[in-house]
């Protein structure tokens, strides 16, 4: 990063943006280099401002509200018997659903 005497911190220059574009395998024009340099500088400034505001007495959080289990507890419930499940199948064999073959003999 190059130092700009009028800026409050380091700024990204065209060379750095061109280097980042090469790393990302992006083709950028000369005009885009200037545009992206300004945009990235703006982003870096905003990140620096957020860093200044972040207080040491505020714990880091991943969620705004505490997480809690909102699902019902697991309960064993009766289901279909094997015969009931197979009764609705178009075909069954040896107590299992019979389905059309989808793989060839070689597999």
N, C-alpha and C. Protein backbone atom coordinates (compact mmCIF):
# COMPACT_ATOMS: atom_id res chain seq x y z
N UNK A 1 0.84 -1.17 0.00
CA UNK A 1 0.00 0.00 0.00
C UNK A 1 0.89 1.23 0.00
N UNK A 2 0.46 2.22 -0.72
CA UNK A 2 1.24 3.44 -0.79
C UNK A 2 0.71 4.45 0.21
N UNK A 3 1.59 5.32 0.67
CA UNK A 3 1.19 6.33 1.64
C UNK A 3 0.81 7.61 0.92
N UNK A 4 -0.36 8.15 1.21
CA UNK A 4 -0.83 9.40 0.65
C UNK A 4 -0.77 10.44 1.75
N UNK A 5 -0.01 11.54 1.59
CA UNK A 5 0.13 12.50 2.66
C UNK A 5 -1.18 13.11 3.11
N UNK A 6 -2.18 13.20 2.21
CA UNK A 6 -3.45 13.81 2.59
C UNK A 6 -4.42 12.84 3.22
N UNK A 7 -4.13 11.58 3.20
CA UNK A 7 -5.06 10.57 3.71
C UNK A 7 -4.78 10.29 5.18
N UNK A 8 -5.77 9.71 5.84
CA UNK A 8 -5.63 9.39 7.25
C UNK A 8 -4.91 8.07 7.48
N UNK A 9 -4.79 7.27 6.45
CA UNK A 9 -4.13 5.98 6.57
C UNK A 9 -3.62 5.53 5.23
N UNK A 10 -3.15 4.31 5.15
CA UNK A 10 -2.64 3.82 3.87
C UNK A 10 -3.75 3.73 2.84
N UNK A 11 -3.39 3.97 1.59
CA UNK A 11 -4.36 3.89 0.51
C UNK A 11 -3.90 2.85 -0.50
N UNK A 12 -4.84 2.35 -1.23
CA UNK A 12 -4.52 1.40 -2.30
C UNK A 12 -4.27 2.18 -3.58
N UNK A 13 -3.19 1.86 -4.24
CA UNK A 13 -2.88 2.50 -5.51
C UNK A 13 -3.25 1.61 -6.67
N UNK A 14 -3.05 2.14 -7.87
CA UNK A 14 -3.35 1.38 -9.08
C UNK A 14 -2.54 0.10 -9.15
N UNK A 15 -1.28 0.17 -8.70
CA UNK A 15 -0.42 -1.02 -8.76
C UNK A 15 -0.97 -2.14 -7.89
N UNK A 16 -1.43 -1.78 -6.68
CA UNK A 16 -1.98 -2.80 -5.79
C UNK A 16 -3.28 -3.38 -6.36
N UNK A 17 -4.11 -2.53 -6.93
CA UNK A 17 -5.37 -3.01 -7.52
C UNK A 17 -5.07 -3.91 -8.71
N UNK A 18 -4.10 -3.53 -9.53
CA UNK A 18 -3.73 -4.36 -10.68
C UNK A 18 -3.20 -5.71 -10.20
N UNK A 19 -2.42 -5.68 -9.10
CA UNK A 19 -1.89 -6.93 -8.55
C UNK A 19 -3.03 -7.83 -8.05
N UNK A 20 -3.98 -7.23 -7.33
CA UNK A 20 -5.13 -8.00 -6.84
C UNK A 20 -5.93 -8.57 -8.01
N UNK A 21 -6.09 -7.79 -9.06
CA UNK A 21 -6.83 -8.26 -10.23
C UNK A 21 -6.11 -9.44 -10.88
N UNK A 22 -4.79 -9.36 -10.96
CA UNK A 22 -4.04 -10.49 -11.54
C UNK A 22 -4.20 -11.74 -10.67
N UNK A 23 -4.12 -11.57 -9.35
CA UNK A 23 -4.29 -12.72 -8.46
C UNK A 23 -5.67 -13.36 -8.62
N UNK A 24 -6.68 -12.52 -8.83
CA UNK A 24 -8.05 -13.02 -8.99
C UNK A 24 -8.36 -13.38 -10.43
N UNK A 25 -7.36 -13.24 -11.30
CA UNK A 25 -7.51 -13.53 -12.72
C UNK A 25 -8.67 -12.73 -13.34
N UNK A 26 -8.69 -11.43 -13.01
CA UNK A 26 -9.69 -10.53 -13.54
C UNK A 26 -9.05 -9.61 -14.56
N UNK A 27 -9.71 -9.41 -15.67
CA UNK A 27 -9.24 -8.45 -16.66
C UNK A 27 -9.90 -7.11 -16.36
N UNK A 28 -9.10 -6.09 -16.06
CA UNK A 28 -9.63 -4.77 -15.74
C UNK A 28 -9.00 -3.74 -16.66
N UNK A 29 -9.79 -2.73 -16.99
CA UNK A 29 -9.30 -1.65 -17.85
C UNK A 29 -8.59 -0.61 -16.99
N UNK A 30 -7.93 0.34 -17.65
CA UNK A 30 -7.24 1.41 -16.94
C UNK A 30 -8.24 2.24 -16.13
N UNK A 31 -9.41 2.51 -16.71
CA UNK A 31 -10.43 3.27 -15.99
C UNK A 31 -10.93 2.51 -14.77
N UNK A 32 -11.08 1.20 -14.92
CA UNK A 32 -11.54 0.38 -13.79
C UNK A 32 -10.51 0.36 -12.67
N UNK A 33 -9.23 0.41 -13.01
CA UNK A 33 -8.20 0.44 -11.97
C UNK A 33 -8.39 1.65 -11.07
N UNK A 34 -8.63 2.82 -11.67
CA UNK A 34 -8.85 4.03 -10.87
C UNK A 34 -10.13 3.91 -10.05
N UNK A 35 -11.19 3.42 -10.69
CA UNK A 35 -12.48 3.28 -10.00
C UNK A 35 -12.36 2.31 -8.83
N UNK A 36 -11.77 1.15 -9.07
CA UNK A 36 -11.65 0.14 -8.02
C UNK A 36 -10.74 0.62 -6.90
N UNK A 37 -9.70 1.38 -7.23
CA UNK A 37 -8.81 1.90 -6.20
C UNK A 37 -9.58 2.83 -5.27
N UNK A 38 -10.41 3.72 -5.84
CA UNK A 38 -11.22 4.62 -5.01
C UNK A 38 -12.23 3.82 -4.17
N UNK A 39 -12.89 2.85 -4.79
CA UNK A 39 -13.90 2.07 -4.07
C UNK A 39 -13.27 1.26 -2.93
N UNK A 40 -12.14 0.63 -3.20
CA UNK A 40 -11.49 -0.16 -2.16
C UNK A 40 -10.98 0.73 -1.04
N UNK A 41 -10.48 1.94 -1.37
CA UNK A 41 -10.07 2.88 -0.33
C UNK A 41 -11.25 3.24 0.56
N UNK A 42 -12.40 3.46 -0.05
CA UNK A 42 -13.60 3.79 0.72
C UNK A 42 -13.98 2.64 1.66
N UNK A 43 -13.90 1.43 1.16
CA UNK A 43 -14.22 0.26 1.99
C UNK A 43 -13.24 0.15 3.15
N UNK A 44 -11.96 0.35 2.87
CA UNK A 44 -10.94 0.26 3.93
C UNK A 44 -11.18 1.33 4.98
N UNK A 45 -11.57 2.54 4.57
CA UNK A 45 -11.86 3.61 5.53
C UNK A 45 -13.04 3.23 6.42
N UNK A 46 -14.09 2.66 5.83
CA UNK A 46 -15.26 2.27 6.63
C UNK A 46 -14.91 1.15 7.61
N UNK A 47 -14.09 0.21 7.19
CA UNK A 47 -13.67 -0.86 8.09
C UNK A 47 -12.86 -0.28 9.24
N UNK A 48 -12.01 0.69 8.96
CA UNK A 48 -11.23 1.33 10.01
C UNK A 48 -12.14 2.05 11.00
N UNK A 49 -13.19 2.71 10.50
CA UNK A 49 -14.13 3.40 11.39
C UNK A 49 -14.85 2.41 12.28
N UNK A 50 -15.26 1.29 11.72
CA UNK A 50 -15.92 0.26 12.53
C UNK A 50 -14.97 -0.25 13.60
N UNK A 51 -13.70 -0.43 13.24
CA UNK A 51 -12.70 -0.88 14.21
C UNK A 51 -12.50 0.11 15.33
N UNK A 52 -12.63 1.41 15.05
CA UNK A 52 -12.50 2.42 16.10
C UNK A 52 -13.69 2.40 17.04
N UNK A 53 -14.87 2.11 16.51
CA UNK A 53 -16.09 2.11 17.31
C UNK A 53 -16.18 0.88 18.19
N UNK A 54 -15.68 -0.24 17.72
CA UNK A 54 -15.79 -1.49 18.47
C UNK A 54 -15.18 -1.31 19.86
N UNK A 55 -15.98 -1.57 20.87
CA UNK A 55 -15.55 -1.37 22.25
C UNK A 55 -15.08 -2.68 22.85
N UNK A 56 -14.10 -2.56 23.73
CA UNK A 56 -13.56 -3.75 24.39
C UNK A 56 -14.56 -4.35 25.37
N UNK A 57 -15.48 -3.53 25.89
CA UNK A 57 -16.43 -4.05 26.87
C UNK A 57 -17.65 -4.72 26.23
N UNK A 58 -17.73 -4.74 24.91
CA UNK A 58 -18.83 -5.39 24.22
C UNK A 58 -18.35 -6.75 23.74
N UNK A 59 -18.96 -7.84 24.23
CA UNK A 59 -18.49 -9.16 23.82
C UNK A 59 -18.83 -9.43 22.35
N UNK A 60 -17.96 -10.13 21.65
CA UNK A 60 -18.27 -10.49 20.26
C UNK A 60 -19.48 -11.42 20.21
N UNK A 61 -20.33 -11.21 19.23
CA UNK A 61 -21.52 -12.04 19.10
C UNK A 61 -21.66 -12.53 17.67
N UNK A 62 -22.26 -13.67 17.54
CA UNK A 62 -22.56 -14.18 16.20
C UNK A 62 -24.05 -14.04 15.90
N UNK A 63 -24.85 -13.82 16.94
CA UNK A 63 -26.30 -13.67 16.76
C UNK A 63 -26.78 -12.54 17.65
N UNK A 64 -27.75 -11.78 17.18
CA UNK A 64 -28.27 -10.66 17.95
C UNK A 64 -29.09 -11.12 19.15
N UNK A 65 -29.70 -12.27 19.05
CA UNK A 65 -30.49 -12.81 20.15
C UNK A 65 -29.93 -14.18 20.52
N UNK A 66 -30.09 -14.58 21.77
CA UNK A 66 -29.56 -15.90 22.16
C UNK A 66 -30.23 -17.03 21.39
N UNK A 67 -29.45 -18.04 21.10
CA UNK A 67 -29.99 -19.20 20.40
C UNK A 67 -30.69 -20.12 21.39
N UNK A 68 -31.78 -20.67 20.96
CA UNK A 68 -32.47 -21.67 21.78
C UNK A 68 -33.09 -22.69 20.85
N UNK A 69 -33.30 -23.86 21.37
CA UNK A 69 -33.90 -24.92 20.58
C UNK A 69 -35.39 -24.64 20.44
N UNK A 70 -35.83 -24.44 19.22
CA UNK A 70 -37.24 -24.15 18.98
C UNK A 70 -37.99 -25.38 18.48
N UNK A 71 -37.30 -26.49 18.39
CA UNK A 71 -37.92 -27.71 17.92
C UNK A 71 -38.50 -28.49 19.08
N UNK A 72 -39.48 -29.29 18.78
CA UNK A 72 -40.08 -30.12 19.81
C UNK A 72 -39.11 -31.22 20.21
N UNK A 73 -39.23 -31.76 21.40
CA UNK A 73 -38.36 -32.88 21.78
C UNK A 73 -38.70 -34.12 20.96
N UNK A 74 -37.70 -34.95 20.74
CA UNK A 74 -37.92 -36.20 20.01
C UNK A 74 -38.80 -37.12 20.84
N UNK A 75 -39.83 -37.61 20.21
CA UNK A 75 -40.74 -38.54 20.88
C UNK A 75 -40.96 -39.73 19.97
N UNK A 76 -40.96 -40.91 20.55
CA UNK A 76 -41.22 -42.12 19.79
C UNK A 76 -42.72 -42.18 19.51
N UNK A 77 -43.06 -42.28 18.22
CA UNK A 77 -44.46 -42.38 17.83
C UNK A 77 -44.62 -43.60 16.95
N UNK A 78 -45.76 -44.24 17.04
CA UNK A 78 -45.96 -45.43 16.20
C UNK A 78 -46.02 -45.03 14.73
N UNK A 79 -45.45 -45.87 13.89
CA UNK A 79 -45.46 -45.65 12.45
C UNK A 79 -46.17 -46.79 11.75
N UNK A 80 -45.97 -46.88 10.47
CA UNK A 80 -46.58 -47.95 9.70
C UNK A 80 -45.84 -49.26 9.93
N UNK A 81 -46.59 -50.32 9.89
CA UNK A 81 -45.94 -51.63 9.91
C UNK A 81 -45.37 -51.88 8.52
N UNK A 82 -44.54 -52.90 8.41
CA UNK A 82 -43.96 -53.23 7.12
C UNK A 82 -45.06 -53.54 6.11
N UNK A 83 -46.05 -54.27 6.53
CA UNK A 83 -47.13 -54.63 5.62
C UNK A 83 -47.92 -53.40 5.17
N UNK A 84 -48.17 -52.47 6.10
CA UNK A 84 -48.90 -51.26 5.74
C UNK A 84 -48.11 -50.40 4.74
N UNK A 85 -46.82 -50.30 4.96
CA UNK A 85 -45.98 -49.50 4.07
C UNK A 85 -45.93 -50.12 2.68
N UNK A 86 -45.78 -51.42 2.62
CA UNK A 86 -45.69 -52.09 1.33
C UNK A 86 -47.03 -52.20 0.62
N UNK A 87 -48.13 -52.03 1.36
CA UNK A 87 -49.46 -52.16 0.76
C UNK A 87 -49.70 -51.09 -0.31
N UNK A 88 -49.10 -49.93 -0.18
CA UNK A 88 -49.29 -48.87 -1.16
C UNK A 88 -48.27 -48.88 -2.28
N UNK A 89 -47.33 -49.81 -2.24
CA UNK A 89 -46.28 -49.86 -3.26
C UNK A 89 -46.78 -50.58 -4.49
N UNK A 90 -46.35 -50.15 -5.68
CA UNK A 90 -46.76 -50.85 -6.89
C UNK A 90 -46.18 -52.26 -6.95
N UNK A 91 -45.00 -52.47 -6.35
CA UNK A 91 -44.40 -53.82 -6.37
C UNK A 91 -43.53 -53.97 -5.13
N UNK A 92 -43.50 -55.20 -4.60
CA UNK A 92 -42.62 -55.50 -3.46
C UNK A 92 -42.08 -56.91 -3.64
N UNK A 93 -40.97 -57.17 -2.95
CA UNK A 93 -40.36 -58.49 -3.03
C UNK A 93 -39.59 -58.72 -1.74
N UNK A 94 -39.82 -59.85 -1.11
CA UNK A 94 -39.13 -60.25 0.12
C UNK A 94 -39.20 -59.17 1.19
N UNK A 95 -40.35 -58.51 1.33
CA UNK A 95 -40.53 -57.52 2.38
C UNK A 95 -39.88 -56.17 2.09
N UNK A 96 -39.52 -55.92 0.83
CA UNK A 96 -38.88 -54.65 0.45
C UNK A 96 -39.60 -54.07 -0.75
N UNK A 97 -39.42 -52.76 -0.95
CA UNK A 97 -39.95 -52.13 -2.15
C UNK A 97 -39.17 -52.62 -3.36
N UNK A 98 -39.89 -52.94 -4.42
CA UNK A 98 -39.24 -53.34 -5.67
C UNK A 98 -39.31 -52.14 -6.62
N UNK A 99 -38.14 -51.74 -7.10
CA UNK A 99 -38.06 -50.58 -7.98
C UNK A 99 -37.35 -50.97 -9.26
N UNK A 100 -37.54 -50.23 -10.33
CA UNK A 100 -36.86 -50.56 -11.59
C UNK A 100 -35.34 -50.41 -11.44
N UNK A 101 -34.63 -51.27 -12.15
CA UNK A 101 -33.17 -51.22 -12.14
C UNK A 101 -32.72 -49.95 -12.86
N UNK A 102 -31.76 -49.24 -12.26
CA UNK A 102 -31.24 -48.03 -12.91
C UNK A 102 -29.77 -48.17 -13.26
N UNK A 103 -29.09 -49.14 -12.70
CA UNK A 103 -27.68 -49.37 -12.99
C UNK A 103 -27.54 -50.58 -13.89
N UNK A 104 -26.54 -50.55 -14.74
CA UNK A 104 -26.31 -51.68 -15.63
C UNK A 104 -25.68 -52.85 -14.90
N UNK A 105 -25.50 -53.93 -15.61
CA UNK A 105 -24.92 -55.14 -15.03
C UNK A 105 -23.49 -54.94 -14.56
N UNK A 106 -22.76 -53.99 -15.19
CA UNK A 106 -21.35 -53.82 -14.85
C UNK A 106 -21.15 -53.16 -13.49
N UNK A 107 -22.21 -52.68 -12.88
CA UNK A 107 -22.02 -51.97 -11.61
C UNK A 107 -22.48 -52.77 -10.47
